[in-house]
PDB file of N, CA and C in Angstrom:
ATOM      1  N   MET A   1     -21.468 -38.591  23.703  1.00  0.00           N
ATOM      2  CA  MET A   1     -21.472 -37.300  22.742  1.00  0.00           C
ATOM      3  C   MET A   1     -21.800 -37.812  21.493  1.00  0.00           C
ATOM      4  N   ALA A   2     -23.253 -37.103  20.839  1.00  0.00           N
ATOM      5  CA  ALA A   2     -23.250 -37.394  19.642  1.00  0.00           C
ATOM      6  C   ALA A   2     -22.496 -36.970  18.643  1.00  0.00           C
ATOM      7  N   THR A   3     -22.448 -37.013  17.353  1.00  0.00           N
ATOM      8  CA  THR A   3     -21.650 -36.730  16.269  1.00  0.00           C
ATOM      9  C   THR A   3     -22.492 -36.503  15.295  1.00  0.00           C
ATOM     10  N   THR A   4     -21.725 -35.726  14.342  1.00  0.00           N
ATOM     11  CA  THR A   4     -22.358 -35.442  13.159  1.00  0.00           C
ATOM     12  C   THR A   4     -21.576 -35.686  11.815  1.00  0.00           C
ATOM     13  N   ILE A   5     -21.860 -35.677  10.716  1.00  0.00           N
ATOM     14  CA  ILE A   5     -21.131 -35.958   9.680  1.00  0.00           C
ATOM     15  C   ILE A   5     -21.307 -34.460   8.791  1.00  0.00           C
ATOM     16  N   MET A   6     -19.837 -33.856   8.461  1.00  0.00           N
ATOM     17  CA  MET A   6     -20.037 -32.723   7.715  1.00  0.00           C
ATOM     18  C   MET A   6     -19.274 -32.922   6.135  1.00  0.00           C
ATOM     19  N   GLN A   7     -19.959 -32.279   5.345  1.00  0.00           N
ATOM     20  CA  GLN A   7     -19.203 -32.538   4.005  1.00  0.00           C
ATOM     21  C   GLN A   7     -19.077 -31.235   3.550  1.00  0.00           C
ATOM     22  N   VAL A   8     -17.688 -31.000   2.899  1.00  0.00           N
ATOM     23  CA  VAL A   8     -17.177 -29.808   2.455  1.00  0.00           C
ATOM     24  C   VAL A   8     -16.588 -29.959   1.076  1.00  0.00           C
ATOM     25  N   ARG A   9     -16.779 -29.280   0.034  1.00  0.00           N
ATOM     26  CA  ARG A   9     -16.132 -29.215  -1.114  1.00  0.00           C
ATOM     27  C   ARG A   9     -14.967 -28.435  -1.104  1.00  0.00           C
ATOM     28  N   ILE A  10     -13.829 -29.085  -1.672  1.00  0.00           N
ATOM     29  CA  ILE A  10     -12.763 -28.423  -1.784  1.00  0.00           C
ATOM     30  C   ILE A  10     -11.875 -28.742  -2.857  1.00  0.00           C
ATOM     31  N   ASP A  11     -11.136 -27.977  -3.513  1.00  0.00           N
ATOM     32  CA  ASP A  11     -10.122 -27.975  -4.758  1.00  0.00           C
ATOM     33  C   ASP A  11      -9.406 -29.342  -4.175  1.00  0.00           C
ATOM     34  N   ASP A  12      -9.335 -30.233  -5.436  1.00  0.00           N
ATOM     35  CA  ASP A  12      -8.513 -31.473  -5.199  1.00  0.00           C
ATOM     36  C   ASP A  12      -7.063 -31.016  -4.970  1.00  0.00           C
ATOM     37  N   GLU A  13      -6.511 -30.262  -5.508  1.00  0.00           N
ATOM     38  CA  GLU A  13      -4.884 -29.691  -5.286  1.00  0.00           C
ATOM     39  C   GLU A  13      -4.924 -29.340  -3.807  1.00  0.00           C
ATOM     40  N   LEU A  14      -5.703 -28.458  -3.452  1.00  0.00           N
ATOM     41  CA  LEU A  14      -5.737 -27.849  -1.889  1.00  0.00           C
ATOM     42  C   LEU A  14      -5.836 -29.033  -1.008  1.00  0.00           C
ATOM     43  N   LYS A  15      -6.562 -30.094  -1.205  1.00  0.00           N
ATOM     44  CA  LYS A  15      -6.696 -31.034  -0.279  1.00  0.00           C
ATOM     45  C   LYS A  15      -5.443 -31.821  -0.245  1.00  0.00           C
ATOM     46  N   ALA A  16      -4.903 -32.076  -1.450  1.00  0.00           N
ATOM     47  CA  ALA A  16      -3.677 -32.775  -1.604  1.00  0.00           C
ATOM     48  C   ALA A  16      -2.643 -32.231  -0.600  1.00  0.00           C
ATOM     49  N   GLN A  17      -2.527 -30.955  -0.756  1.00  0.00           N
ATOM     50  CA  GLN A  17      -1.492 -30.081  -0.239  1.00  0.00           C
ATOM     51  C   GLN A  17      -1.754 -29.986   1.349  1.00  0.00           C
ATOM     52  N   ALA A  18      -2.785 -29.697   1.698  1.00  0.00           N
ATOM     53  CA  ALA A  18      -3.155 -29.705   3.113  1.00  0.00           C
ATOM     54  C   ALA A  18      -2.875 -30.919   3.647  1.00  0.00           C
ATOM     55  N   SER A  19      -3.345 -32.189   3.278  1.00  0.00           N
ATOM     56  CA  SER A  19      -3.241 -33.318   3.514  1.00  0.00           C
ATOM     57  C   SER A  19      -1.540 -33.842   3.789  1.00  0.00           C
ATOM     58  N   GLU A  20      -0.956 -33.314   2.662  1.00  0.00           N
ATOM     59  CA  GLU A  20       0.547 -33.465   3.032  1.00  0.00           C
ATOM     60  C   GLU A  20       1.312 -32.701   4.285  1.00  0.00           C
ATOM     61  N   VAL A  21       0.813 -31.642   4.480  1.00  0.00           N
ATOM     62  CA  VAL A  21       1.251 -30.751   5.644  1.00  0.00           C
ATOM     63  C   VAL A  21       0.714 -31.509   6.827  1.00  0.00           C
ATOM     64  N   PHE A  22      -0.602 -32.068   6.941  1.00  0.00           N
ATOM     65  CA  PHE A  22      -0.987 -32.452   8.085  1.00  0.00           C
ATOM     66  C   PHE A  22      -0.221 -33.904   8.472  1.00  0.00           C
ATOM     67  N   GLU A  23       0.022 -34.819   7.288  1.00  0.00           N
ATOM     68  CA  GLU A  23       0.553 -35.870   7.200  1.00  0.00           C
ATOM     69  C   GLU A  23       2.029 -35.595   8.134  1.00  0.00           C
ATOM     70  N   GLN A  24       2.625 -34.678   7.655  1.00  0.00           N
ATOM     71  CA  GLN A  24       3.945 -34.608   8.157  1.00  0.00           C
ATOM     72  C   GLN A  24       4.032 -34.137   9.826  1.00  0.00           C
ATOM     73  N   LEU A  25       2.698 -33.512  10.000  1.00  0.00           N
ATOM     74  CA  LEU A  25       2.512 -33.241  11.650  1.00  0.00           C
ATOM     75  C   LEU A  25       1.826 -34.439  12.390  1.00  0.00           C
ATOM     76  N   GLY A  26       1.586 -35.514  11.669  1.00  0.00           N
ATOM     77  CA  GLY A  26       1.381 -36.667  12.271  1.00  0.00           C
ATOM     78  C   GLY A  26      -0.396 -36.437  12.409  1.00  0.00           C
ATOM     79  N   LEU A  27      -1.094 -35.777  11.726  1.00  0.00           N
ATOM     80  CA  LEU A  27      -2.428 -35.678  11.663  1.00  0.00           C
ATOM     81  C   LEU A  27      -3.198 -35.935  10.101  1.00  0.00           C
ATOM     82  N   ASP A  28      -4.487 -36.630  10.409  1.00  0.00           N
ATOM     83  CA  ASP A  28      -5.252 -36.501   9.284  1.00  0.00           C
ATOM     84  C   ASP A  28      -6.129 -35.347   9.046  1.00  0.00           C
ATOM     85  N   ILE A  29      -6.986 -35.194   8.047  1.00  0.00           N
ATOM     86  CA  ILE A  29      -7.685 -33.845   7.688  1.00  0.00           C
ATOM     87  C   ILE A  29      -8.853 -33.743   8.703  1.00  0.00           C
ATOM     88  N   PRO A  30      -9.522 -35.121   8.930  1.00  0.00           N
ATOM     89  CA  PRO A  30     -10.740 -35.011  10.077  1.00  0.00           C
ATOM     90  C   PRO A  30     -10.026 -34.231  11.261  1.00  0.00           C
ATOM     91  N   THR A  31      -8.940 -34.983  11.787  1.00  0.00           N
ATOM     92  CA  THR A  31      -8.206 -34.493  12.989  1.00  0.00           C
ATOM     93  C   THR A  31      -7.889 -32.978  12.996  1.00  0.00           C
ATOM     94  N   ALA A  32      -7.319 -32.568  11.928  1.00  0.00           N
ATOM     95  CA  ALA A  32      -7.162 -31.112  11.944  1.00  0.00           C
ATOM     96  C   ALA A  32      -8.180 -30.606  11.741  1.00  0.00           C
ATOM     97  N   ILE A  33      -9.235 -30.625  11.060  1.00  0.00           N
ATOM     98  CA  ILE A  33     -10.488 -29.809  10.985  1.00  0.00           C
ATOM     99  C   ILE A  33     -11.038 -29.664  12.616  1.00  0.00           C
ATOM    100  N   ARG A  34     -11.227 -30.849  13.086  1.00  0.00           N
ATOM    101  CA  ARG A  34     -11.476 -30.920  14.625  1.00  0.00           C
ATOM    102  C   ARG A  34     -10.982 -29.982  15.435  1.00  0.00           C
ATOM    103  N   MET A  35      -9.333 -29.883  15.277  1.00  0.00           N
ATOM    104  CA  MET A  35      -8.544 -29.334  16.080  1.00  0.00           C
ATOM    105  C   MET A  35      -8.778 -27.560  15.473  1.00  0.00           C
ATOM    106  N   PHE A  36      -9.085 -27.279  14.483  1.00  0.00           N
ATOM    107  CA  PHE A  36      -9.414 -25.795  14.155  1.00  0.00           C
ATOM    108  C   PHE A  36     -10.560 -25.600  14.782  1.00  0.00           C
ATOM    109  N   MET A  37     -11.762 -26.470  14.552  1.00  0.00           N
ATOM    110  CA  MET A  37     -12.875 -26.165  15.260  1.00  0.00           C
ATOM    111  C   MET A  37     -12.951 -25.896  16.768  1.00  0.00           C
ATOM    112  N   ARG A  38     -12.202 -26.920  17.479  1.00  0.00           N
ATOM    113  CA  ARG A  38     -12.212 -26.611  18.840  1.00  0.00           C
ATOM    114  C   ARG A  38     -11.321 -25.353  19.185  1.00  0.00           C
ATOM    115  N   ARG A  39     -10.181 -24.993  18.549  1.00  0.00           N
ATOM    116  CA  ARG A  39      -9.654 -23.779  18.636  1.00  0.00           C
ATOM    117  C   ARG A  39     -10.547 -22.382  18.604  1.00  0.00           C
ATOM    118  N   ALA A  40     -11.481 -22.589  17.576  1.00  0.00           N
ATOM    119  CA  ALA A  40     -11.910 -21.574  17.303  1.00  0.00           C
ATOM    120  C   ALA A  40     -13.193 -21.416  18.410  1.00  0.00           C
ATOM    121  N   VAL A  41     -13.496 -22.174  19.147  1.00  0.00           N
ATOM    122  CA  VAL A  41     -14.505 -22.264  20.150  1.00  0.00           C
ATOM    123  C   VAL A  41     -13.888 -21.687  21.231  1.00  0.00           C
ATOM    124  N   LEU A  42     -12.656 -22.157  21.645  1.00  0.00           N
ATOM    125  CA  LEU A  42     -11.613 -21.855  22.767  1.00  0.00           C
ATOM    126  C   LEU A  42     -11.525 -20.225  22.755  1.00  0.00           C
ATOM    127  N   VAL A  43     -10.914 -19.841  21.454  1.00  0.00           N
ATOM    128  CA  VAL A  43     -10.796 -18.438  21.343  1.00  0.00           C
ATOM    129  C   VAL A  43     -11.846 -17.597  20.684  1.00  0.00           C
ATOM    130  N   ASN A  44     -12.997 -18.110  20.737  1.00  0.00           N
ATOM    131  CA  ASN A  44     -14.344 -17.265  20.311  1.00  0.00           C
ATOM    132  C   ASN A  44     -14.086 -16.679  18.942  1.00  0.00           C
ATOM    133  N   GLY A  45     -13.579 -17.338  18.021  1.00  0.00           N
ATOM    134  CA  GLY A  45     -13.258 -16.614  16.708  1.00  0.00           C
ATOM    135  C   GLY A  45     -12.538 -17.523  15.732  1.00  0.00           C
ATOM    136  N   ILE A  46     -11.979 -17.021  14.799  1.00  0.00           N
ATOM    137  CA  ILE A  46     -11.064 -17.592  14.024  1.00  0.00           C
ATOM    138  C   ILE A  46      -9.606 -17.618  14.606  1.00  0.00           C
ATOM    139  N   PRO A  47      -9.118 -18.900  14.584  1.00  0.00           N
ATOM    140  CA  PRO A  47      -7.823 -19.234  15.533  1.00  0.00           C
ATOM    141  C   PRO A  47      -6.518 -18.844  15.070  1.00  0.00           C
ATOM    142  N   PHE A  48      -6.912 -17.953  14.002  1.00  0.00           N
ATOM    143  CA  PHE A  48      -5.471 -17.316  13.247  1.00  0.00           C
ATOM    144  C   PHE A  48      -5.593 -15.800  12.536  1.00  0.00           C
ATOM    145  N   SER A  49      -4.532 -15.018  12.635  1.00  0.00           N
ATOM    146  CA  SER A  49      -4.583 -13.854  12.262  1.00  0.00           C
ATOM    147  C   SER A  49      -5.320 -13.717  10.719  1.00  0.00           C
ATOM    148  N   MET A  50      -5.992 -12.728  10.851  1.00  0.00           N
ATOM    149  CA  MET A  50      -6.602 -12.544   9.376  1.00  0.00           C
ATOM    150  C   MET A  50      -6.334 -11.100   9.000  1.00  0.00           C
ATOM    151  N   THR A  51      -5.602 -10.810   7.949  1.00  0.00           N
ATOM    152  CA  THR A  51      -5.470  -9.496   7.609  1.00  0.00           C
ATOM    153  C   THR A  51      -5.576  -9.324   6.126  1.00  0.00           C
ATOM    154  N   LEU A  52      -5.915  -8.186   6.005  1.00  0.00           N
ATOM    155  CA  LEU A  52      -6.257  -7.645   4.414  1.00  0.00           C
ATOM    156  C   LEU A  52      -4.828  -7.775   3.670  1.00  0.00           C
ATOM    157  N   PRO A  53      -4.783  -8.080   2.410  1.00  0.00           N
ATOM    158  CA  PRO A  53      -3.531  -7.595   1.440  1.00  0.00           C
ATOM    159  C   PRO A  53      -2.943  -6.338   1.728  1.00  0.00           C
ATOM    160  N   GLU A  54      -1.771  -6.214   1.556  1.00  0.00           N
ATOM    161  CA  GLU A  54      -1.198  -4.608   1.694  1.00  0.00           C
ATOM    162  C   GLU A  54      -1.712  -4.117   0.264  1.00  0.00           C
ATOM    163  N   LYS A  55      -2.256  -2.813   0.572  1.00  0.00           N
ATOM    164  CA  LYS A  55      -2.790  -1.926  -0.466  1.00  0.00           C
ATOM    165  C   LYS A  55      -2.971  -0.613   0.086  1.00  0.00           C
ATOM    166  N   GLU A  56      -2.645   0.361  -0.969  1.00  0.00           N
ATOM    167  CA  GLU A  56      -2.830   1.567  -0.683  1.00  0.00           C
ATOM    168  C   GLU A  56      -4.190   2.166  -0.483  1.00  0.00           C
ATOM    169  N   TYR A  57      -4.748   2.229   0.503  1.00  0.00           N
ATOM    170  CA  TYR A  57      -6.160   2.620   0.505  1.00  0.00           C
ATOM    171  C   TYR A  57      -6.114   4.363   0.609  1.00  0.00           C
ATOM    172  N   ARG A  58      -7.067   4.844  -0.291  1.00  0.00           N
ATOM    173  CA  ARG A  58      -7.043   6.288   0.017  1.00  0.00           C
ATOM    174  C   ARG A  58      -7.073   6.929   1.148  1.00  0.00           C
ATOM    175  N   SER A  59      -7.904   6.493   2.287  1.00  0.00           N
ATOM    176  CA  SER A  59      -7.763   7.106   3.468  1.00  0.00           C
ATOM    177  C   SER A  59      -6.376   6.931   4.219  1.00  0.00           C
ATOM    178  N   ASP A  60      -5.554   5.840   3.880  1.00  0.00           N
ATOM    179  CA  ASP A  60      -4.146   5.687   4.353  1.00  0.00           C
ATOM    180  C   ASP A  60      -3.398   6.894   3.843  1.00  0.00           C
ATOM    181  N   ILE A  61      -3.560   6.997   2.514  1.00  0.00           N
ATOM    182  CA  ILE A  61      -2.468   8.017   1.952  1.00  0.00           C
ATOM    183  C   ILE A  61      -3.098   9.354   2.246  1.00  0.00           C
ATOM    184  N   ALA A  62      -4.234   9.756   2.625  1.00  0.00           N
ATOM    185  CA  ALA A  62      -4.823  11.065   3.150  1.00  0.00           C
ATOM    186  C   ALA A  62      -4.206  11.312   4.481  1.00  0.00           C
ATOM    187  N   VAL A  63      -4.324  10.491   5.348  1.00  0.00           N
ATOM    188  CA  VAL A  63      -3.619  10.349   6.543  1.00  0.00           C
ATOM    189  C   VAL A  63      -2.164  10.640   6.764  1.00  0.00           C
ATOM    190  N   ARG A  64      -1.534   9.825   5.898  1.00  0.00           N
ATOM    191  CA  ARG A  64       0.091  10.245   5.740  1.00  0.00           C
ATOM    192  C   ARG A  64       0.224  11.418   5.158  1.00  0.00           C
ATOM    193  N   ALA A  65      -0.359  12.045   4.313  1.00  0.00           N
ATOM    194  CA  ALA A  65      -0.337  13.289   3.645  1.00  0.00           C
ATOM    195  C   ALA A  65      -0.560  14.516   4.711  1.00  0.00           C
ATOM    196  N   MET A  66      -1.404  14.264   5.656  1.00  0.00           N
ATOM    197  CA  MET A  66      -2.077  15.127   6.719  1.00  0.00           C
ATOM    198  C   MET A  66      -0.793  15.258   7.704  1.00  0.00           C
ATOM    199  N   HIS A  67      -0.245  14.054   7.981  1.00  0.00           N
ATOM    200  CA  HIS A  67       1.055  14.035   8.912  1.00  0.00           C
ATOM    201  C   HIS A  67       2.149  14.571   8.259  1.00  0.00           C
ATOM    202  N   SER A  68       2.310  14.421   7.125  1.00  0.00           N
ATOM    203  CA  SER A  68       3.464  15.185   6.404  1.00  0.00           C
ATOM    204  C   SER A  68       3.227  16.694   6.451  1.00  0.00           C
ATOM    205  N   MET A  69       2.099  17.204   6.098  1.00  0.00           N
ATOM    206  CA  MET A  69       1.792  18.553   6.138  1.00  0.00           C
ATOM    207  C   MET A  69       1.951  18.845   7.411  1.00  0.00           C
ATOM    208  N   GLY A  70       1.426  18.386   8.697  1.00  0.00           N
ATOM    209  CA  GLY A  70       1.790  18.943   9.886  1.00  0.00           C
ATOM    210  C   GLY A  70       3.163  19.042  10.083  1.00  0.00           C
ATOM    211  N   GLU A  71       4.070  18.046   9.870  1.00  0.00           N
ATOM    212  CA  GLU A  71       5.445  18.055  10.190  1.00  0.00           C
ATOM    213  C   GLU A  71       6.053  19.221   9.498  1.00  0.00           C
ATOM    214  N   THR A  72       5.666  19.708   8.207  1.00  0.00           N
ATOM    215  CA  THR A  72       5.949  20.606   7.425  1.00  0.00           C
ATOM    216  C   THR A  72       5.751  22.058   8.141  1.00  0.00           C
ATOM    217  N   ALA A  73       4.775  21.942   8.669  1.00  0.00           N
ATOM    218  CA  ALA A  73       4.048  23.389   9.364  1.00  0.00           C
ATOM    219  C   ALA A  73       4.954  23.547  10.462  1.00  0.00           C
ATOM    220  N   LYS A  74       5.272  22.324  11.370  1.00  0.00           N
ATOM    221  CA  LYS A  74       6.034  22.464  12.525  1.00  0.00           C
ATOM    222  C   LYS A  74       7.498  23.117  12.200  1.00  0.00           C
ATOM    223  N   ARG A  75       7.967  22.483  11.191  1.00  0.00           N
ATOM    224  CA  ARG A  75       9.432  22.794  10.633  1.00  0.00           C
ATOM    225  C   ARG A  75       9.547  24.194  10.233  1.00  0.00           C
ATOM    226  N   ASN A  76       8.360  24.798   9.570  1.00  0.00           N
ATOM    227  CA  ASN A  76       8.283  26.064   8.876  1.00  0.00           C
ATOM    228  C   ASN A  76       7.728  27.116   9.895  1.00  0.00           C
ATOM    229  N   GLY A  77       7.587  26.559  11.148  1.00  0.00           N
ATOM    230  CA  GLY A  77       6.896  27.497  12.237  1.00  0.00           C
ATOM    231  C   GLY A  77       5.603  28.032  11.969  1.00  0.00           C
ATOM    232  N   THR A  78       4.687  27.321  11.244  1.00  0.00           N
ATOM    233  CA  THR A  78       3.427  27.687  10.673  1.00  0.00           C
ATOM    234  C   THR A  78       2.361  26.817  11.524  1.00  0.00           C
ATOM    235  N   SER A  79       2.618  25.962  12.212  1.00  0.00           N
ATOM    236  CA  SER A  79       1.870  24.931  12.736  1.00  0.00           C
ATOM    237  C   SER A  79       0.612  25.852  13.627  1.00  0.00           C
ATOM    238  N   GLU A  80       0.930  26.717  14.446  1.00  0.00           N
ATOM    239  CA  GLU A  80       0.057  27.136  15.247  1.00  0.00           C
ATOM    240  C   GLU A  80      -0.587  28.410  14.945  1.00  0.00           C
ATOM    241  N   MET A  81      -0.764  28.572  13.489  1.00  0.00           N
ATOM    242  CA  MET A  81      -1.472  29.734  12.782  1.00  0.00           C
ATOM    243  C   MET A  81      -2.844  29.544  13.092  1.00  0.00           C
ATOM    244  N   THR A  82      -3.514  30.705  13.012  1.00  0.00           N
ATOM    245  CA  THR A  82      -5.058  30.739  13.247  1.00  0.00           C
ATOM    246  C   THR A  82      -5.608  30.667  11.838  1.00  0.00           C
ATOM    247  N   LEU A  83      -6.823  30.602  11.585  1.00  0.00           N
ATOM    248  CA  LEU A  83      -7.548  30.217  10.467  1.00  0.00           C
ATOM    249  C   LEU A  83      -7.423  31.864   9.554  1.00  0.00           C
ATOM    250  N   GLU A  84      -7.414  32.888  10.498  1.00  0.00           N
ATOM    251  CA  GLU A  84      -7.474  34.295   9.924  1.00  0.00           C
ATOM    252  C   GLU A  84      -6.055  34.383   9.422  1.00  0.00           C
ATOM    253  N   GLU A  85      -5.126  33.938  10.099  1.00  0.00           N
ATOM    254  CA  GLU A  85      -3.559  34.234   9.696  1.00  0.00           C
ATOM    255  C   GLU A  85      -3.513  33.385   8.406  1.00  0.00           C
ATOM    256  N   ILE A  86      -4.059  32.397   8.351  1.00  0.00           N
ATOM    257  CA  ILE A  86      -3.920  31.428   7.035  1.00  0.00           C
ATOM    258  C   ILE A  86      -4.566  32.035   5.782  1.00  0.00           C
ATOM    259  N   ASN A  87      -5.622  32.696   6.128  1.00  0.00           N
ATOM    260  CA  ASN A  87      -6.451  33.241   5.087  1.00  0.00           C
ATOM    261  C   ASN A  87      -5.726  34.577   4.674  1.00  0.00           C
ATOM    262  N   ALA A  88      -5.207  35.331   5.463  1.00  0.00           N
ATOM    263  CA  ALA A  88      -4.566  36.283   5.486  1.00  0.00           C
ATOM    264  C   ALA A  88      -3.120  36.270   4.325  1.00  0.00           C
ATOM    265  N   GLU A  89      -2.424  34.974   4.866  1.00  0.00           N
ATOM    266  CA  GLU A  89      -1.302  34.554   3.808  1.00  0.00           C
ATOM    267  C   GLU A  89      -1.783  34.189   2.537  1.00  0.00           C
ATOM    268  N   ILE A  90      -2.944  33.541   2.467  1.00  0.00           N
ATOM    269  CA  ILE A  90      -3.686  33.308   1.011  1.00  0.00           C
ATOM    270  C   ILE A  90      -3.757  34.462   0.219  1.00  0.00           C
ATOM    271  N   ASP A  91      -4.483  35.336   1.015  1.00  0.00           N
ATOM    272  CA  ASP A  91      -4.767  36.586   0.375  1.00  0.00           C
ATOM    273  C   ASP A  91      -3.431  37.459  -0.218  1.00  0.00           C
ATOM    274  N   ALA A  92      -2.494  37.288   0.773  1.00  0.00           N
ATOM    275  CA  ALA A  92      -1.173  37.786   0.294  1.00  0.00           C
ATOM    276  C   ALA A  92      -0.385  37.537  -1.000  1.00  0.00           C
ATOM    277  N   VAL A  93      -0.372  36.153  -0.971  1.00  0.00           N
ATOM    278  CA  VAL A  93      -0.042  35.613  -2.069  1.00  0.00           C
ATOM    279  C   VAL A  93      -0.764  35.760  -3.461  1.00  0.00           C
ATOM    280  N   ARG A  94      -2.128  35.617  -3.287  1.00  0.00           N
ATOM    281  CA  ARG A  94      -3.031  36.013  -4.362  1.00  0.00           C
ATOM    282  C   ARG A  94      -2.636  37.555  -4.891  1.00  0.00           C
ATOM    283  N   ALA A  95      -2.613  38.569  -3.886  1.00  0.00           N
ATOM    284  CA  ALA A  95      -2.504  39.811  -4.153  1.00  0.00           C
ATOM    285  C   ALA A  95      -1.403  39.881  -5.290  1.00  0.00           C
ATOM    286  N   GLU A  96      -0.200  39.237  -4.704  1.00  0.00           N
ATOM    287  CA  GLU A  96       1.198  39.174  -5.598  1.00  0.00           C
ATOM    288  C   GLU A  96       0.987  38.815  -6.717  1.00  0.00           C
ATOM    289  N   SER A  97      -0.029  37.840  -7.141  1.00  0.00           N
ATOM    290  CA  SER A  97      -0.035  37.149  -8.573  1.00  0.00           C
ATOM    291  C   SER A  97      -1.500  37.227  -9.033  1.00  0.00           C
ATOM    292  N   PRO A  98      -2.079  38.223  -9.467  1.00  0.00           N
ATOM    293  CA  PRO A  98      -3.574  38.154  -9.603  1.00  0.00           C
ATOM    294  C   PRO A  98      -3.943  37.121 -10.699  1.00  0.00           C
ATOM    295  N   ALA A  99      -3.055  36.892 -11.693  1.00  0.00           N
ATOM    296  CA  ALA A  99      -3.395  35.780 -12.690  1.00  0.00           C
ATOM    297  C   ALA A  99      -3.577  34.416 -12.039  1.00  0.00           C
ATOM    298  N   ARG A 100      -2.829  34.155 -11.073  1.00  0.00           N
ATOM    299  CA  ARG A 100      -2.838  32.914 -10.143  1.00  0.00           C
ATOM    300  C   ARG A 100      -3.909  32.824  -9.427  1.00  0.00           C
ATOM    301  N   GLY A 101      -4.513  33.910  -8.603  1.00  0.00           N
ATOM    302  CA  GLY A 101      -5.526  34.017  -7.953  1.00  0.00           C
ATOM    303  C   GLY A 101      -6.873  33.990  -8.599  1.00  0.00           C
ATOM    304  N   SER A 102      -6.987  34.120 -10.014  1.00  0.00           N
ATOM    305  CA  SER A 102      -8.145  34.118 -10.620  1.00  0.00           C
ATOM    306  C   SER A 102      -8.426  32.718 -11.107  1.00  0.00           C
ATOM    307  N   GLN A 103      -7.221  31.804 -10.937  1.00  0.00           N
ATOM    308  CA  GLN A 103      -7.326  30.253 -11.544  1.00  0.00           C
ATOM    309  C   GLN A 103      -8.186  29.582 -10.318  1.00  0.00           C
ATOM    310  N   ALA A 104      -8.387  29.672  -9.146  1.00  0.00           N
ATOM    311  CA  ALA A 104      -9.065  29.073  -8.306  1.00  0.00           C
ATOM    312  C   ALA A 104     -10.758  28.681  -8.646  1.00  0.00           C
TER     313      ALA A 104
END
């Protein structure tokens, strides 16, 4: 089997830290890299979980808000209202408070 040489630039501190970990496992860096590449081929992708950092995304907040509103509507018995019934409720509230209705 033919072989090839790869060159990779990496931070000195990261290399030292990784080398220490691999050494404790009885590996050198080239062997660890070969293991990574063989596993990547075997699983047809990155051989470990890749996740984004925990962060509040707007869509996540919106989805949670919709679920919360749905639960509140169920508790209040309003979850099965039709659009016409919802608009009638809104109109009734606006009729009770004309100043509030004109702020929209």
